[in-house]
Structure formats: structure tokens, C-alpha cells
């Protein structure tokens, strides 16, 4: 009986943990690039971190997400 009552809160807690770890970054600004693309970016908090952003150059705004322990970025599309 106790397990039936605790199942829903346990599921909600597990789901929140998974969602919070998958959406780490967000909008970032490329601060360093090489011939392959962006290598360093600055987030809204002002901290710089290593990223992978193919085909991007310094000053580009990017949408970034953490995948397999690496920050992967795509060029931010214009918002309407």
C-alpha cells in the first residue's frame, strides 16, 4: 500500500532530475573560433566554456545543449 502511494511522487522526482540535467545551457555567444567553427562561448551568466559549434564564427548567437558530456551548439534562428 505504501508503494502505491509513493510511486507518483517518486516518478515526478525522477522525471525532474532527468529534465534538469538534460537542459543545461541555452543561448550563448561565440567568443573564440577556428577554421572548423566556434570553440569557446559565453553564457548569460558571463562564464566562458568550451563548445562545439561547426560553421560558426565569433559574435554568432547560438543555442547550446549538453550532449554526452559535451556542449553542442547550433546557430540561433531569428525569432519572430
C-alpha atoms as a PDB file:
ATOM      1  CA  UNK A   1       0.000   0.000   0.000  1.00  0.00           C
ATOM      2  CA  UNK A   2       2.809   2.397   0.857  1.00  0.00           C
ATOM      3  CA  UNK A   3       4.476   1.751  -2.504  1.00  0.00           C
ATOM      4  CA  UNK A   4       1.263   2.654  -4.355  1.00  0.00           C
ATOM      5  CA  UNK A   5       1.127   5.986  -2.538  1.00  0.00           C
ATOM      6  CA  UNK A   6       4.837   6.722  -3.018  1.00  0.00           C
ATOM      7  CA  UNK A   7       5.012   5.709  -6.694  1.00  0.00           C
ATOM      8  CA  UNK A   8       3.715   9.019  -8.132  1.00  0.00           C
ATOM      9  CA  UNK A   9       5.990  11.337  -6.096  1.00  0.00           C
ATOM     10  CA  UNK A  10       8.949   9.051  -6.863  1.00  0.00           C
ATOM     11  CA  UNK A  11       8.196   9.201 -10.591  1.00  0.00           C
ATOM     12  CA  UNK A  12       7.825  13.011 -10.542  1.00  0.00           C
ATOM     13  CA  UNK A  13      11.123  13.413  -8.682  1.00  0.00           C
ATOM     14  CA  UNK A  14      12.945  11.137 -11.130  1.00  0.00           C
ATOM     15  CA  UNK A  15      11.466  12.967 -14.125  1.00  0.00           C
ATOM     16  CA  UNK A  16      12.524  16.371 -12.737  1.00  0.00           C
ATOM     17  CA  UNK A  17      16.069  15.107 -12.181  1.00  0.00           C
ATOM     18  CA  UNK A  18      16.359  13.834 -15.769  1.00  0.00           C
ATOM     19  CA  UNK A  19      14.888  17.002 -17.286  1.00  0.00           C
ATOM     20  CA  UNK A  20      17.112  19.322 -15.249  1.00  0.00           C
ATOM     21  CA  UNK A  21      20.314  17.527 -16.265  1.00  0.00           C
ATOM     22  CA  UNK A  22      19.477  17.435 -19.986  1.00  0.00           C
ATOM     23  CA  UNK A  23      18.755  21.157 -20.413  1.00  0.00           C
ATOM     24  CA  UNK A  24      21.945  22.727 -19.135  1.00  0.00           C
ATOM     25  CA  UNK A  25      22.799  25.699 -21.310  1.00  0.00           C
ATOM     26  CA  UNK A  26      20.648  27.736 -23.658  1.00  0.00           C
ATOM     27  CA  UNK A  27      21.597  30.850 -25.574  1.00  0.00           C
ATOM     28  CA  UNK A  28      25.319  31.546 -25.785  1.00  0.00           C
ATOM     29  CA  UNK A  29      27.584  33.940 -27.692  1.00  0.00           C
ATOM     30  CA  UNK A  30      30.634  32.632 -29.575  1.00  0.00           C
ATOM     31  CA  UNK A  31      33.809  34.268 -28.222  1.00  0.00           C
ATOM     32  CA  UNK A  32      36.523  32.200 -29.956  1.00  0.00           C
ATOM     33  CA  UNK A  33      36.504  30.344 -33.266  1.00  0.00           C
ATOM     34  CA  UNK A  34      38.882  28.476 -35.528  1.00  0.00           C
ATOM     35  CA  UNK A  35      38.591  27.227 -39.139  1.00  0.00           C
ATOM     36  CA  UNK A  36      36.121  24.497 -38.077  1.00  0.00           C
ATOM     37  CA  UNK A  37      33.765  26.717 -36.069  1.00  0.00           C
ATOM     38  CA  UNK A  38      33.158  28.063 -32.588  1.00  0.00           C
ATOM     39  CA  UNK A  39      35.331  26.632 -29.802  1.00  0.00           C
ATOM     40  CA  UNK A  40      34.544  28.908 -26.822  1.00  0.00           C
ATOM     41  CA  UNK A  41      31.290  30.607 -25.861  1.00  0.00           C
ATOM     42  CA  UNK A  42      29.957  32.842 -23.093  1.00  0.00           C
ATOM     43  CA  UNK A  43      26.609  32.155 -21.455  1.00  0.00           C
ATOM     44  CA  UNK A  44      24.103  34.506 -19.855  1.00  0.00           C
ATOM     45  CA  UNK A  45      25.911  34.086 -16.526  1.00  0.00           C
ATOM     46  CA  UNK A  46      29.108  35.521 -18.063  1.00  0.00           C
ATOM     47  CA  UNK A  47      31.118  32.296 -17.786  1.00  0.00           C
ATOM     48  CA  UNK A  48      33.063  31.009 -20.786  1.00  0.00           C
ATOM     49  CA  UNK A  49      33.138  27.329 -21.662  1.00  0.00           C
ATOM     50  CA  UNK A  50      34.398  25.062 -24.416  1.00  0.00           C
ATOM     51  CA  UNK A  51      31.759  24.244 -27.036  1.00  0.00           C
ATOM     52  CA  UNK A  52      31.432  22.546 -30.423  1.00  0.00           C
ATOM     53  CA  UNK A  53      29.733  24.791 -32.985  1.00  0.00           C
ATOM     54  CA  UNK A  54      30.541  23.816 -36.572  1.00  0.00           C
ATOM     55  CA  UNK A  55      30.433  26.601 -39.155  1.00  0.00           C
ATOM     56  CA  UNK A  56      30.069  29.460 -36.678  1.00  0.00           C
ATOM     57  CA  UNK A  57      32.268  32.485 -36.137  1.00  0.00           C
ATOM     58  CA  UNK A  58      32.967  34.964 -33.337  1.00  0.00           C
ATOM     59  CA  UNK A  59      29.927  37.003 -32.351  1.00  0.00           C
ATOM     60  CA  UNK A  60      27.324  34.458 -33.530  1.00  0.00           C
ATOM     61  CA  UNK A  61      24.450  33.753 -31.144  1.00  0.00           C
ATOM     62  CA  UNK A  62      23.936  30.036 -30.613  1.00  0.00           C
ATOM     63  CA  UNK A  63      21.542  27.640 -28.930  1.00  0.00           C
ATOM     64  CA  UNK A  64      23.567  25.090 -26.957  1.00  0.00           C
ATOM     65  CA  UNK A  65      22.765  21.838 -25.186  1.00  0.00           C
ATOM     66  CA  UNK A  66      24.853  19.360 -23.270  1.00  0.00           C
ATOM     67  CA  UNK A  67      25.057  16.023 -25.107  1.00  0.00           C
ATOM     68  CA  UNK A  68      27.225  13.128 -23.966  1.00  0.00           C
ATOM     69  CA  UNK A  69      29.246  15.405 -21.703  1.00  0.00           C
ATOM     70  CA  UNK A  70      29.998  17.952 -24.462  1.00  0.00           C
ATOM     71  CA  UNK A  71      28.345  21.265 -25.287  1.00  0.00           C
ATOM     72  CA  UNK A  72      26.969  21.151 -28.833  1.00  0.00           C
ATOM     73  CA  UNK A  73      25.713  24.367 -30.401  1.00  0.00           C
ATOM     74  CA  UNK A  74      23.627  25.306 -33.403  1.00  0.00           C
ATOM     75  CA  UNK A  75      23.157  28.758 -34.891  1.00  0.00           C
ATOM     76  CA  UNK A  76      20.244  30.583 -33.311  1.00  0.00           C
ATOM     77  CA  UNK A  77      17.475  31.234 -35.783  1.00  0.00           C
ATOM     78  CA  UNK A  78      15.858  34.647 -35.864  1.00  0.00           C
ATOM     79  CA  UNK A  79      12.859  34.771 -33.555  1.00  0.00           C
ATOM     80  CA  UNK A  80       9.624  36.381 -34.720  1.00  0.00           C
END
